[in-house]
Amino acid sequence: MNFGEQIKDEIFLKPMKDRAIQIAFIAGIIRSTGVLFEEDGSLGLYFTVAMEERAFKIASMLERLFDYQVREIDVKEDRLNKKDRFEMVISGKKALPILEELGVVTVNEGDITVEYDFFGKVVNDAETFKAFIRGLFVGAGNCTVPDENTESGTGYHLELVFSHNVTAETTANRLSEYGINGKIIRRKESFVFYIKSADAIKDFLAFLPAPKSVLNFTDVMVRREFINDVNRKKNCDLGNVTRQVNASIKITEAIETLKMSGLYDGLKKELRDTADKKLEFPDDSYEELAARLSITKSCLNHRFRKLVETAANAKE
């Protein structure tokens, strides 16, 4: 099970005793995947969720809240995401008052108007707004984290998918009031509100709230940072080794140039002694070679630079 589905499981485990919270939650799900239809002159709506267990929980909530029994739950294949989705239908005589209470439509003297105010009357305060966003995430949300074997720190991604840009922008604006900021892009026929900052995703999960998911997500962040630190140190060490190898080759070539040019025997004694030790112990580190000569590493570096400069002058 991916991380997004784990978040949804935690959402469904969260107690929702207050009627207004339950209505806001179901309204969020319906707003994310619901489609209105007309049948025999009556209005109806169908919507889908992933996982059969969640579908039955939502059906139970509809029965408790509205005394409405979902007659059957159909399985629809989602070929794009390679998983089944479970479709539920709200229809019949009870459909209109249910949809009105869920903020999907308003009825005024027999006239039915579809509510395009994305939140409608079901969102009255911070708690109902959070419940509504939890419903949106269940229906149209996803969250991914970096793979264990990925060396990069990238890969964090949370999104809510909408069918209309107005609903995406409205949601983004409302979330920003609570310090949750993201961006919107168009993906084929959909509009996606997304967050890629690990800290911002953690803030979103805390806002829901989904405390277990926050802890799991934080654990991923810590492990990723540890892996990145190790890789940075490894790369740094490799870079140092590469530089040392290149420097050693350069010094050895300089000594060979001095020998071929006949300048080697005329070198000052300390330079010739240094060159002799370098040729005798080519695999020694700077620290080991300096110890053999009873000089400091800084003094050794100075002598090597002098050898390289003298060889360069000999070539000219």
C-alpha atoms as a PDB file:
ATOM      1  CA  MET A   1       0.000   0.000   0.000  1.00  0.00           C
ATOM      2  CA  ASN A   2       1.425   3.368  -1.009  1.00  0.00           C
ATOM      3  CA  PHE A   3       1.754   6.296   1.385  1.00  0.00           C
ATOM      4  CA  GLY A   4      -1.326   8.089   0.016  1.00  0.00           C
ATOM      5  CA  GLU A   5      -3.526   5.081   0.763  1.00  0.00           C
ATOM      6  CA  GLN A   6      -2.076   4.875   4.276  1.00  0.00           C
ATOM      7  CA  ILE A   7      -3.167   8.470   4.870  1.00  0.00           C
ATOM      8  CA  LYS A   8      -6.683   7.639   3.641  1.00  0.00           C
ATOM      9  CA  ASP A   9      -6.834   4.632   5.966  1.00  0.00           C
ATOM     10  CA  GLU A  10      -5.950   6.888   8.897  1.00  0.00           C
ATOM     11  CA  ILE A  11      -8.620   9.397   7.822  1.00  0.00           C
ATOM     12  CA  PHE A  12     -11.265   6.662   7.930  1.00  0.00           C
ATOM     13  CA  LEU A  13     -10.113   5.591  11.398  1.00  0.00           C
ATOM     14  CA  LYS A  14     -10.602   9.124  12.752  1.00  0.00           C
ATOM     15  CA  PRO A  15     -13.809   9.295  14.854  1.00  0.00           C
ATOM     16  CA  MET A  16     -16.485  11.571  13.356  1.00  0.00           C
ATOM     17  CA  LYS A  17     -19.289  11.831  15.901  1.00  0.00           C
ATOM     18  CA  ASP A  18     -20.550  15.305  15.045  1.00  0.00           C
ATOM     19  CA  ARG A  19     -23.182  15.334  12.279  1.00  0.00           C
ATOM     20  CA  ALA A  20     -21.806  18.518  10.688  1.00  0.00           C
ATOM     21  CA  ILE A  21     -18.318  16.949  10.498  1.00  0.00           C
ATOM     22  CA  GLN A  22     -19.699  13.799   8.834  1.00  0.00           C
ATOM     23  CA  ILE A  23     -21.697  15.819   6.308  1.00  0.00           C
ATOM     24  CA  ALA A  24     -18.672  17.971   5.448  1.00  0.00           C
ATOM     25  CA  PHE A  25     -16.559  14.823   5.002  1.00  0.00           C
ATOM     26  CA  ILE A  26     -19.036  13.162   2.623  1.00  0.00           C
ATOM     27  CA  ALA A  27     -19.530  16.482   0.803  1.00  0.00           C
ATOM     28  CA  GLY A  28     -15.765  16.551   0.186  1.00  0.00           C
ATOM     29  CA  ILE A  29     -15.796  13.060  -1.292  1.00  0.00           C
ATOM     30  CA  ILE A  30     -18.787  13.878  -3.496  1.00  0.00           C
ATOM     31  CA  ARG A  31     -17.273  17.154  -4.673  1.00  0.00           C
ATOM     32  CA  SER A  32     -14.103  15.307  -5.700  1.00  0.00           C
ATOM     33  CA  THR A  33     -15.598  12.395  -7.668  1.00  0.00           C
ATOM     34  CA  GLY A  34     -19.362  13.010  -7.864  1.00  0.00           C
ATOM     35  CA  VAL A  35     -21.313  13.307 -11.118  1.00  0.00           C
ATOM     36  CA  LEU A  36     -24.915  14.528 -11.283  1.00  0.00           C
ATOM     37  CA  PHE A  37     -27.420  12.824 -13.564  1.00  0.00           C
ATOM     38  CA  GLU A  38     -31.134  12.997 -14.322  1.00  0.00           C
ATOM     39  CA  GLU A  39     -33.294   9.899 -14.460  1.00  0.00           C
ATOM     40  CA  ASP A  40     -37.061   9.846 -15.029  1.00  0.00           C
ATOM     41  CA  GLY A  41     -37.236  13.554 -14.230  1.00  0.00           C
ATOM     42  CA  SER A  42     -35.404  13.155 -10.900  1.00  0.00           C
ATOM     43  CA  LEU A  43     -31.926  14.268  -9.965  1.00  0.00           C
ATOM     44  CA  GLY A  44     -29.331  11.747  -8.835  1.00  0.00           C
ATOM     45  CA  LEU A  45     -25.609  11.495  -8.230  1.00  0.00           C
ATOM     46  CA  TYR A  46     -22.970   8.799  -8.422  1.00  0.00           C
ATOM     47  CA  PHE A  47     -19.463   8.902  -6.990  1.00  0.00           C
ATOM     48  CA  THR A  48     -16.541   6.530  -6.552  1.00  0.00           C
ATOM     49  CA  VAL A  49     -13.920   5.635  -3.946  1.00  0.00           C
ATOM     50  CA  ALA A  50     -10.998   3.235  -3.909  1.00  0.00           C
ATOM     51  CA  MET A  51     -11.237   0.083  -1.750  1.00  0.00           C
ATOM     52  CA  GLU A  52     -14.409  -1.807  -0.970  1.00  0.00           C
ATOM     53  CA  GLU A  53     -14.108  -1.364   2.797  1.00  0.00           C
ATOM     54  CA  ARG A  54     -14.197   2.418   2.455  1.00  0.00           C
ATOM     55  CA  ALA A  55     -17.222   2.212   0.162  1.00  0.00           C
ATOM     56  CA  PHE A  56     -19.159   0.250   2.780  1.00  0.00           C
ATOM     57  CA  LYS A  57     -18.160   2.724   5.517  1.00  0.00           C
ATOM     58  CA  ILE A  58     -19.459   5.624   3.419  1.00  0.00           C
ATOM     59  CA  ALA A  59     -22.654   3.686   2.714  1.00  0.00           C
ATOM     60  CA  SER A  60     -23.112   3.205   6.475  1.00  0.00           C
ATOM     61  CA  MET A  61     -22.593   6.943   7.047  1.00  0.00           C
ATOM     62  CA  LEU A  62     -25.241   7.782   4.442  1.00  0.00           C
ATOM     63  CA  GLU A  63     -27.668   5.437   6.169  1.00  0.00           C
ATOM     64  CA  ARG A  64     -27.012   6.957   9.607  1.00  0.00           C
ATOM     65  CA  LEU A  65     -27.150  10.556   8.418  1.00  0.00           C
ATOM     66  CA  PHE A  66     -30.021  10.430   5.946  1.00  0.00           C
ATOM     67  CA  ASP A  67     -31.715   7.080   6.517  1.00  0.00           C
ATOM     68  CA  TYR A  68     -30.692   6.265   2.957  1.00  0.00           C
ATOM     69  CA  GLN A  69     -29.604   2.789   1.912  1.00  0.00           C
ATOM     70  CA  VAL A  70     -27.191   2.435  -0.982  1.00  0.00           C
ATOM     71  CA  ARG A  71     -28.803  -0.409  -2.904  1.00  0.00           C
ATOM     72  CA  GLU A  72     -25.646  -1.714  -4.537  1.00  0.00           C
ATOM     73  CA  ILE A  73     -21.983  -0.878  -4.911  1.00  0.00           C
ATOM     74  CA  ASP A  74     -20.602  -1.429  -8.419  1.00  0.00           C
ATOM     75  CA  VAL A  75     -16.979  -2.134  -9.227  1.00  0.00           C
ATOM     76  CA  LYS A  76     -15.449   0.058 -11.931  1.00  0.00           C
ATOM     77  CA  GLU A  77     -12.027  -0.713 -13.369  1.00  0.00           C
ATOM     78  CA  ASP A  78      -9.595   2.203 -13.290  1.00  0.00           C
ATOM     79  CA  ARG A  79      -7.228   1.160 -16.089  1.00  0.00           C
ATOM     80  CA  LEU A  80      -5.066   4.275 -15.775  1.00  0.00           C
ATOM     81  CA  ASN A  81      -4.187   3.588 -12.138  1.00  0.00           C
ATOM     82  CA  LYS A  82      -4.550  -0.205 -12.455  1.00  0.00           C
ATOM     83  CA  LYS A  83      -6.952  -0.597  -9.563  1.00  0.00           C
ATOM     84  CA  ASP A  84     -10.678  -0.959  -8.955  1.00  0.00           C
ATOM     85  CA  ARG A  85     -12.922   1.870  -7.819  1.00  0.00           C
ATOM     86  CA  PHE A  86     -16.266   1.328  -6.157  1.00  0.00           C
ATOM     87  CA  GLU A  87     -19.238   3.297  -7.430  1.00  0.00           C
ATOM     88  CA  MET A  88     -22.204   4.324  -5.263  1.00  0.00           C
ATOM     89  CA  VAL A  89     -25.394   6.004  -6.389  1.00  0.00           C
ATOM     90  CA  ILE A  90     -27.717   8.405  -4.574  1.00  0.00           C
ATOM     91  CA  SER A  91     -31.037   8.389  -6.418  1.00  0.00           C
ATOM     92  CA  GLY A  92     -34.791   8.223  -5.940  1.00  0.00           C
ATOM     93  CA  LYS A  93     -37.093  10.423  -3.849  1.00  0.00           C
ATOM     94  CA  LYS A  94     -34.529  10.971  -1.090  1.00  0.00           C
ATOM     95  CA  ALA A  95     -31.774  12.083  -3.450  1.00  0.00           C
ATOM     96  CA  LEU A  96     -32.788  15.747  -3.760  1.00  0.00           C
ATOM     97  CA  PRO A  97     -32.976  16.561  -0.009  1.00  0.00           C
ATOM     98  CA  ILE A  98     -29.700  14.666   0.560  1.00  0.00           C
ATOM     99  CA  LEU A  99     -27.932  16.599  -2.181  1.00  0.00           C
ATOM    100  CA  GLU A 100     -29.360  19.837  -0.814  1.00  0.00           C
ATOM    101  CA  GLU A 101     -28.054  19.122   2.699  1.00  0.00           C
ATOM    102  CA  LEU A 102     -24.664  18.180   1.250  1.00  0.00           C
ATOM    103  CA  GLY A 103     -24.493  21.595  -0.413  1.00  0.00           C
ATOM    104  CA  VAL A 104     -24.523  20.236  -3.954  1.00  0.00           C
ATOM    105  CA  VAL A 105     -27.810  21.914  -4.943  1.00  0.00           C
ATOM    106  CA  THR A 106     -30.261  24.480  -3.586  1.00  0.00           C
ATOM    107  CA  VAL A 107     -34.023  24.280  -3.972  1.00  0.00           C
ATOM    108  CA  ASN A 108     -36.044  27.501  -4.060  1.00  0.00           C
ATOM    109  CA  GLU A 109     -39.792  27.293  -4.731  1.00  0.00           C
ATOM    110  CA  GLY A 110     -39.319  24.172  -6.787  1.00  0.00           C
ATOM    111  CA  ASP A 111     -36.354  25.513  -8.779  1.00  0.00           C
ATOM    112  CA  ILE A 112     -33.182  23.445  -8.476  1.00  0.00           C
ATOM    113  CA  THR A 113     -29.829  25.186  -8.795  1.00  0.00           C
ATOM    114  CA  VAL A 114     -26.478  23.419  -8.839  1.00  0.00           C
ATOM    115  CA  GLU A 115     -24.156  25.072  -6.303  1.00  0.00           C
ATOM    116  CA  TYR A 116     -20.840  26.048  -7.851  1.00  0.00           C
ATOM    117  CA  ASP A 117     -19.657  27.547  -4.579  1.00  0.00           C
ATOM    118  CA  PHE A 118     -17.273  24.673  -3.963  1.00  0.00           C
ATOM    119  CA  PHE A 119     -17.714  24.621  -0.192  1.00  0.00           C
ATOM    120  CA  GLY A 120     -21.327  25.648   0.031  1.00  0.00           C
ATOM    121  CA  LYS A 121     -23.153  25.698   3.335  1.00  0.00           C
ATOM    122  CA  VAL A 122     -21.470  22.573   4.729  1.00  0.00           C
ATOM    123  CA  VAL A 123     -18.259  24.436   5.658  1.00  0.00           C
ATOM    124  CA  ASN A 124     -18.985  26.731   8.589  1.00  0.00           C
ATOM    125  CA  ASP A 125     -15.727  26.735  10.580  1.00  0.00           C
ATOM    126  CA  ALA A 126     -12.185  25.347  10.707  1.00  0.00           C
ATOM    127  CA  GLU A 127     -13.287  21.876  11.815  1.00  0.00           C
ATOM    128  CA  THR A 128     -15.846  21.381   9.049  1.00  0.00           C
ATOM    129  CA  PHE A 129     -13.321  22.758   6.556  1.00  0.00           C
ATOM    130  CA  LYS A 130     -10.757  20.168   7.703  1.00  0.00           C
ATOM    131  CA  ALA A 131     -13.379  17.422   7.401  1.00  0.00           C
ATOM    132  CA  PHE A 132     -14.242  18.635   3.903  1.00  0.00           C
ATOM    133  CA  ILE A 133     -10.530  18.570   2.872  1.00  0.00           C
ATOM    134  CA  ARG A 134     -10.198  15.062   4.338  1.00  0.00           C
ATOM    135  CA  GLY A 135     -13.097  14.010   2.105  1.00  0.00           C
ATOM    136  CA  LEU A 136     -11.468  15.699  -0.898  1.00  0.00           C
ATOM    137  CA  PHE A 137      -8.226  13.838  -0.224  1.00  0.00           C
ATOM    138  CA  VAL A 138     -10.025  10.497   0.061  1.00  0.00           C
ATOM    139  CA  GLY A 139     -11.700  11.059  -3.301  1.00  0.00           C
ATOM    140  CA  ALA A 140      -9.111  12.958  -5.319  1.00  0.00           C
ATOM    141  CA  GLY A 141      -5.880  13.029  -3.342  1.00  0.00           C
ATOM    142  CA  ASN A 142      -2.562  11.231  -3.367  1.00  0.00           C
ATOM    143  CA  CYS A 143       0.810  11.494  -1.668  1.00  0.00           C
ATOM    144  CA  THR A 144       4.124   9.892  -2.612  1.00  0.00           C
ATOM    145  CA  VAL A 145       7.470   9.806  -0.824  1.00  0.00           C
ATOM    146  CA  PRO A 146      10.983   9.006  -2.116  1.00  0.00           C
ATOM    147  CA  ASP A 147      11.906   5.375  -2.637  1.00  0.00           C
ATOM    148  CA  GLU A 148      14.287   3.857  -0.105  1.00  0.00           C
ATOM    149  CA  ASN A 149      16.879   3.217  -2.804  1.00  0.00           C
ATOM    150  CA  THR A 150      16.687   6.701  -4.298  1.00  0.00           C
ATOM    151  CA  GLU A 151      19.746   8.788  -3.523  1.00  0.00           C
ATOM    152  CA  SER A 152      18.091  12.095  -4.384  1.00  0.00           C
ATOM    153  CA  GLY A 153      16.174  14.140  -1.832  1.00  0.00           C
ATOM    154  CA  THR A 154      13.428  14.784  -4.360  1.00  0.00           C
ATOM    155  CA  GLY A 155      10.328  12.674  -4.790  1.00  0.00           C
ATOM    156  CA  TYR A 156       7.953  14.210  -2.227  1.00  0.00           C
ATOM    157  CA  HIS A 157       4.590  14.972  -3.826  1.00  0.00           C
ATOM    158  CA  LEU A 158       1.044  15.582  -2.565  1.00  0.00           C
ATOM    159  CA  GLU A 159      -1.872  16.459  -4.809  1.00  0.00           C
ATOM    160  CA  LEU A 160      -5.603  17.055  -5.053  1.00  0.00           C
ATOM    161  CA  VAL A 161      -7.124  16.578  -8.522  1.00  0.00           C
ATOM    162  CA  PHE A 162     -10.097  18.653  -9.726  1.00  0.00           C
ATOM    163  CA  SER A 163     -12.194  18.680 -12.873  1.00  0.00           C
ATOM    164  CA  HIS A 164     -12.413  22.506 -12.979  1.00  0.00           C
ATOM    165  CA  ASN A 165      -9.829  25.242 -12.447  1.00  0.00           C
ATOM    166  CA  VAL A 166     -12.228  27.352 -10.336  1.00  0.00           C
ATOM    167  CA  THR A 167     -12.609  24.602  -7.748  1.00  0.00           C
ATOM    168  CA  ALA A 168      -8.850  24.042  -7.695  1.00  0.00           C
ATOM    169  CA  GLU A 169      -8.151  27.759  -7.201  1.00  0.00           C
ATOM    170  CA  THR A 170     -10.875  28.117  -4.553  1.00  0.00           C
ATOM    171  CA  THR A 171      -9.429  25.219  -2.586  1.00  0.00           C
ATOM    172  CA  ALA A 172      -5.886  26.573  -2.936  1.00  0.00           C
ATOM    173  CA  ASN A 173      -6.999  29.995  -1.684  1.00  0.00           C
ATOM    174  CA  ARG A 174      -8.846  28.568   1.304  1.00  0.00           C
ATOM    175  CA  LEU A 175      -5.924  26.322   2.238  1.00  0.00           C
ATOM    176  CA  SER A 176      -3.530  29.272   2.004  1.00  0.00           C
ATOM    177  CA  GLU A 177      -5.546  30.972   4.755  1.00  0.00           C
ATOM    178  CA  TYR A 178      -4.354  28.152   7.004  1.00  0.00           C
ATOM    179  CA  GLY A 179      -0.735  28.394   5.866  1.00  0.00           C
ATOM    180  CA  ILE A 180      -0.974  25.505   3.374  1.00  0.00           C
ATOM    181  CA  ASN A 181       0.473  26.728   0.075  1.00  0.00           C
ATOM    182  CA  GLY A 182       0.785  24.873  -3.215  1.00  0.00           C
ATOM    183  CA  LYS A 183       0.658  25.350  -6.978  1.00  0.00           C
ATOM    184  CA  ILE A 184      -1.874  24.469  -9.671  1.00  0.00           C
ATOM    185  CA  ILE A 185      -1.122  22.863 -13.023  1.00  0.00           C
ATOM    186  CA  ARG A 186      -3.307  21.496 -15.792  1.00  0.00           C
ATOM    187  CA  ARG A 187      -3.009  17.754 -16.451  1.00  0.00           C
ATOM    188  CA  LYS A 188      -4.947  16.802 -19.587  1.00  0.00           C
ATOM    189  CA  GLU A 189      -8.579  17.520 -18.648  1.00  0.00           C
ATOM    190  CA  SER A 190      -7.899  17.958 -14.924  1.00  0.00           C
ATOM    191  CA  PHE A 191      -6.492  20.684 -12.686  1.00  0.00           C
ATOM    192  CA  VAL A 192      -4.068  19.603 -10.000  1.00  0.00           C
ATOM    193  CA  PHE A 193      -3.271  21.412  -6.763  1.00  0.00           C
ATOM    194  CA  TYR A 194       0.095  20.062  -5.669  1.00  0.00           C
ATOM    195  CA  ILE A 195       2.781  20.434  -2.993  1.00  0.00           C
ATOM    196  CA  LYS A 196       6.371  19.223  -3.430  1.00  0.00           C
ATOM    197  CA  SER A 197       8.057  20.668  -0.340  1.00  0.00           C
ATOM    198  CA  ALA A 198       8.478  17.998   2.333  1.00  0.00           C
ATOM    199  CA  ASP A 199       7.851  20.509   5.140  1.00  0.00           C
ATOM    200  CA  ALA A 200       4.701  21.831   3.429  1.00  0.00           C
ATOM    201  CA  ILE A 201       3.353  18.296   2.957  1.00  0.00           C
ATOM    202  CA  LYS A 202       3.972  17.609   6.632  1.00  0.00           C
ATOM    203  CA  ASP A 203       2.030  20.808   7.460  1.00  0.00           C
ATOM    204  CA  PHE A 204      -0.874  19.603   5.273  1.00  0.00           C
ATOM    205  CA  LEU A 205      -0.978  16.235   7.067  1.00  0.00           C
ATOM    206  CA  ALA A 206      -0.879  17.974  10.445  1.00  0.00           C
ATOM    207  CA  PHE A 207      -3.716  20.242   9.310  1.00  0.00           C
ATOM    208  CA  LEU A 208      -6.055  17.326   8.435  1.00  0.00           C
ATOM    209  CA  PRO A 209      -5.069  16.178  11.159  1.00  0.00           C
ATOM    210  CA  ALA A 210      -3.425  12.808  10.479  1.00  0.00           C
ATOM    211  CA  PRO A 211      -0.897  12.458  13.347  1.00  0.00           C
ATOM    212  CA  LYS A 212       0.212   8.906  12.539  1.00  0.00           C
ATOM    213  CA  SER A 213       0.928   9.903   8.948  1.00  0.00           C
ATOM    214  CA  VAL A 214       2.848  12.956  10.189  1.00  0.00           C
ATOM    215  CA  LEU A 215       5.091  10.684  12.280  1.00  0.00           C
ATOM    216  CA  ASN A 216       5.605   8.249   9.396  1.00  0.00           C
ATOM    217  CA  PHE A 217       6.329  11.106   7.008  1.00  0.00           C
ATOM    218  CA  THR A 218       8.794  12.684   9.447  1.00  0.00           C
ATOM    219  CA  ASP A 219      10.537   9.309   9.749  1.00  0.00           C
ATOM    220  CA  VAL A 220      10.924   9.213   5.950  1.00  0.00           C
ATOM    221  CA  MET A 221      12.325  12.774   5.967  1.00  0.00           C
ATOM    222  CA  VAL A 222      14.884  11.925   8.675  1.00  0.00           C
ATOM    223  CA  ARG A 223      16.004   8.747   6.902  1.00  0.00           C
ATOM    224  CA  ARG A 224      16.272  10.558   3.561  1.00  0.00           C
ATOM    225  CA  GLU A 225      18.346  13.338   5.129  1.00  0.00           C
ATOM    226  CA  PHE A 226      20.637  10.758   6.729  1.00  0.00           C
ATOM    227  CA  ILE A 227      21.116   8.976   3.386  1.00  0.00           C
ATOM    228  CA  ASN A 228      21.781  12.290   1.633  1.00  0.00           C
ATOM    229  CA  ASP A 229      24.327  13.287   4.297  1.00  0.00           C
ATOM    230  CA  VAL A 230      26.119   9.952   3.871  1.00  0.00           C
ATOM    231  CA  ASN A 231      26.118  10.365   0.086  1.00  0.00           C
ATOM    232  CA  ARG A 232      27.394  13.938   0.332  1.00  0.00           C
ATOM    233  CA  LYS A 233      30.253  12.777   2.583  1.00  0.00           C
ATOM    234  CA  LYS A 234      30.952   9.857   0.243  1.00  0.00           C
ATOM    235  CA  ASN A 235      31.061  12.180  -2.759  1.00  0.00           C
ATOM    236  CA  CYS A 236      33.262  14.615  -0.858  1.00  0.00           C
ATOM    237  CA  ASP A 237      35.674  11.828   0.104  1.00  0.00           C
ATOM    238  CA  LEU A 238      35.715  10.564  -3.478  1.00  0.00           C
ATOM    239  CA  GLY A 239      36.446  14.071  -4.719  1.00  0.00           C
ATOM    240  CA  ASN A 240      39.335  14.401  -2.267  1.00  0.00           C
ATOM    241  CA  VAL A 241      40.765  11.061  -3.365  1.00  0.00           C
ATOM    242  CA  THR A 242      40.462  12.053  -7.036  1.00  0.00           C
ATOM    243  CA  ARG A 243      42.241  15.351  -6.398  1.00  0.00           C
ATOM    244  CA  GLN A 244      45.004  13.596  -4.447  1.00  0.00           C
ATOM    245  CA  VAL A 245      45.517  11.032  -7.210  1.00  0.00           C
ATOM    246  CA  ASN A 246      45.698  13.751  -9.873  1.00  0.00           C
ATOM    247  CA  ALA A 247      48.139  15.764  -7.761  1.00  0.00           C
ATOM    248  CA  SER A 248      50.315  12.697  -7.188  1.00  0.00           C
ATOM    249  CA  ILE A 249      50.442  11.986 -10.936  1.00  0.00           C
ATOM    250  CA  LYS A 250      51.334  15.618 -11.613  1.00  0.00           C
ATOM    251  CA  ILE A 251      54.193  15.547  -9.072  1.00  0.00           C
ATOM    252  CA  THR A 252      55.569  12.251 -10.398  1.00  0.00           C
ATOM    253  CA  GLU A 253      55.502  13.594 -13.965  1.00  0.00           C
ATOM    254  CA  ALA A 254      57.340  16.733 -12.782  1.00  0.00           C
ATOM    255  CA  ILE A 255      60.066  14.634 -11.182  1.00  0.00           C
ATOM    256  CA  GLU A 256      60.461  12.564 -14.356  1.00  0.00           C
ATOM    257  CA  THR A 257      60.710  15.793 -16.404  1.00  0.00           C
ATOM    258  CA  LEU A 258      63.470  17.089 -14.115  1.00  0.00           C
ATOM    259  CA  LYS A 259      65.409  13.829 -14.522  1.00  0.00           C
ATOM    260  CA  MET A 260      65.100  13.851 -18.289  1.00  0.00           C
ATOM    261  CA  SER A 261      66.143  17.510 -18.511  1.00  0.00           C
ATOM    262  CA  GLY A 262      69.263  16.937 -16.426  1.00  0.00           C
ATOM    263  CA  LEU A 263      68.139  19.355 -13.709  1.00  0.00           C
ATOM    264  CA  TYR A 264      67.434  16.699 -11.107  1.00  0.00           C
ATOM    265  CA  ASP A 265      70.976  16.446  -9.706  1.00  0.00           C
ATOM    266  CA  GLY A 266      71.189  20.217  -9.426  1.00  0.00           C
ATOM    267  CA  LEU A 267      68.125  20.483  -7.170  1.00  0.00           C
ATOM    268  CA  LYS A 268      68.547  21.669  -3.605  1.00  0.00           C
ATOM    269  CA  LYS A 269      69.105  18.770  -1.237  1.00  0.00           C
ATOM    270  CA  GLU A 270      65.659  19.080   0.458  1.00  0.00           C
ATOM    271  CA  LEU A 271      63.897  19.035  -2.923  1.00  0.00           C
ATOM    272  CA  ARG A 272      65.925  16.073  -4.165  1.00  0.00           C
ATOM    273  CA  ASP A 273      65.293  14.175  -0.900  1.00  0.00           C
ATOM    274  CA  THR A 274      61.577  14.869  -1.254  1.00  0.00           C
ATOM    275  CA  ALA A 275      61.566  13.684  -4.862  1.00  0.00           C
ATOM    276  CA  ASP A 276      63.488  10.526  -3.932  1.00  0.00           C
ATOM    277  CA  LYS A 277      60.988   9.653  -1.188  1.00  0.00           C
ATOM    278  CA  LYS A 278      58.033  10.312  -3.527  1.00  0.00           C
ATOM    279  CA  LEU A 279      59.478   7.904  -6.097  1.00  0.00           C
ATOM    280  CA  GLU A 280      60.365   5.337  -3.420  1.00  0.00           C
ATOM    281  CA  PHE A 281      56.938   5.432  -1.768  1.00  0.00           C
ATOM    282  CA  PRO A 282      54.492   6.467  -4.545  1.00  0.00           C
ATOM    283  CA  ASP A 283      51.366   5.238  -2.677  1.00  0.00           C
ATOM    284  CA  ASP A 284      52.076   7.126   0.538  1.00  0.00           C
ATOM    285  CA  SER A 285      49.619   9.804   1.630  1.00  0.00           C
ATOM    286  CA  TYR A 286      50.866  13.329   2.221  1.00  0.00           C
ATOM    287  CA  GLU A 287      50.811  12.673   5.971  1.00  0.00           C
ATOM    288  CA  GLU A 288      52.864   9.479   5.626  1.00  0.00           C
ATOM    289  CA  LEU A 289      55.408  11.055   3.281  1.00  0.00           C
ATOM    290  CA  ALA A 290      55.800  14.124   5.501  1.00  0.00           C
ATOM    291  CA  ALA A 291      56.456  11.822   8.465  1.00  0.00           C
ATOM    292  CA  ARG A 292      59.189   9.958   6.541  1.00  0.00           C
ATOM    293  CA  LEU A 293      60.897  13.292   5.811  1.00  0.00           C
ATOM    294  CA  SER A 294      60.338  14.579   9.376  1.00  0.00           C
ATOM    295  CA  ILE A 295      58.613  17.705   8.055  1.00  0.00           C
ATOM    296  CA  THR A 296      55.089  19.151   8.254  1.00  0.00           C
ATOM    297  CA  LYS A 297      52.420  18.497   5.631  1.00  0.00           C
ATOM    298  CA  SER A 298      52.487  22.219   4.796  1.00  0.00           C
ATOM    299  CA  CYS A 299      56.249  22.086   4.172  1.00  0.00           C
ATOM    300  CA  LEU A 300      55.763  18.996   1.962  1.00  0.00           C
ATOM    301  CA  ASN A 301      53.140  20.810  -0.107  1.00  0.00           C
ATOM    302  CA  HIS A 302      55.536  23.747  -0.541  1.00  0.00           C
ATOM    303  CA  ARG A 303      58.320  21.438  -1.807  1.00  0.00           C
ATOM    304  CA  PHE A 304      55.949  19.675  -4.224  1.00  0.00           C
ATOM    305  CA  ARG A 305      54.831  23.025  -5.644  1.00  0.00           C
ATOM    306  CA  LYS A 306      58.491  24.012  -6.092  1.00  0.00           C
ATOM    307  CA  LEU A 307      59.229  20.762  -7.957  1.00  0.00           C
ATOM    308  CA  VAL A 308      56.239  21.275 -10.288  1.00  0.00           C
ATOM    309  CA  GLU A 309      57.232  24.917 -10.955  1.00  0.00           C
ATOM    310  CA  THR A 310      60.852  23.965 -11.706  1.00  0.00           C
ATOM    311  CA  ALA A 311      59.704  21.222 -14.108  1.00  0.00           C
ATOM    312  CA  ALA A 312      57.348  23.680 -15.861  1.00  0.00           C
ATOM    313  CA  ASN A 313      60.198  26.138 -16.333  1.00  0.00           C
ATOM    314  CA  ALA A 314      62.365  23.329 -17.742  1.00  0.00           C
ATOM    315  CA  LYS A 315      59.779  22.643 -20.444  1.00  0.00           C
ATOM    316  CA  GLU A 316      59.855  26.258 -21.542  1.00  0.00           C
END
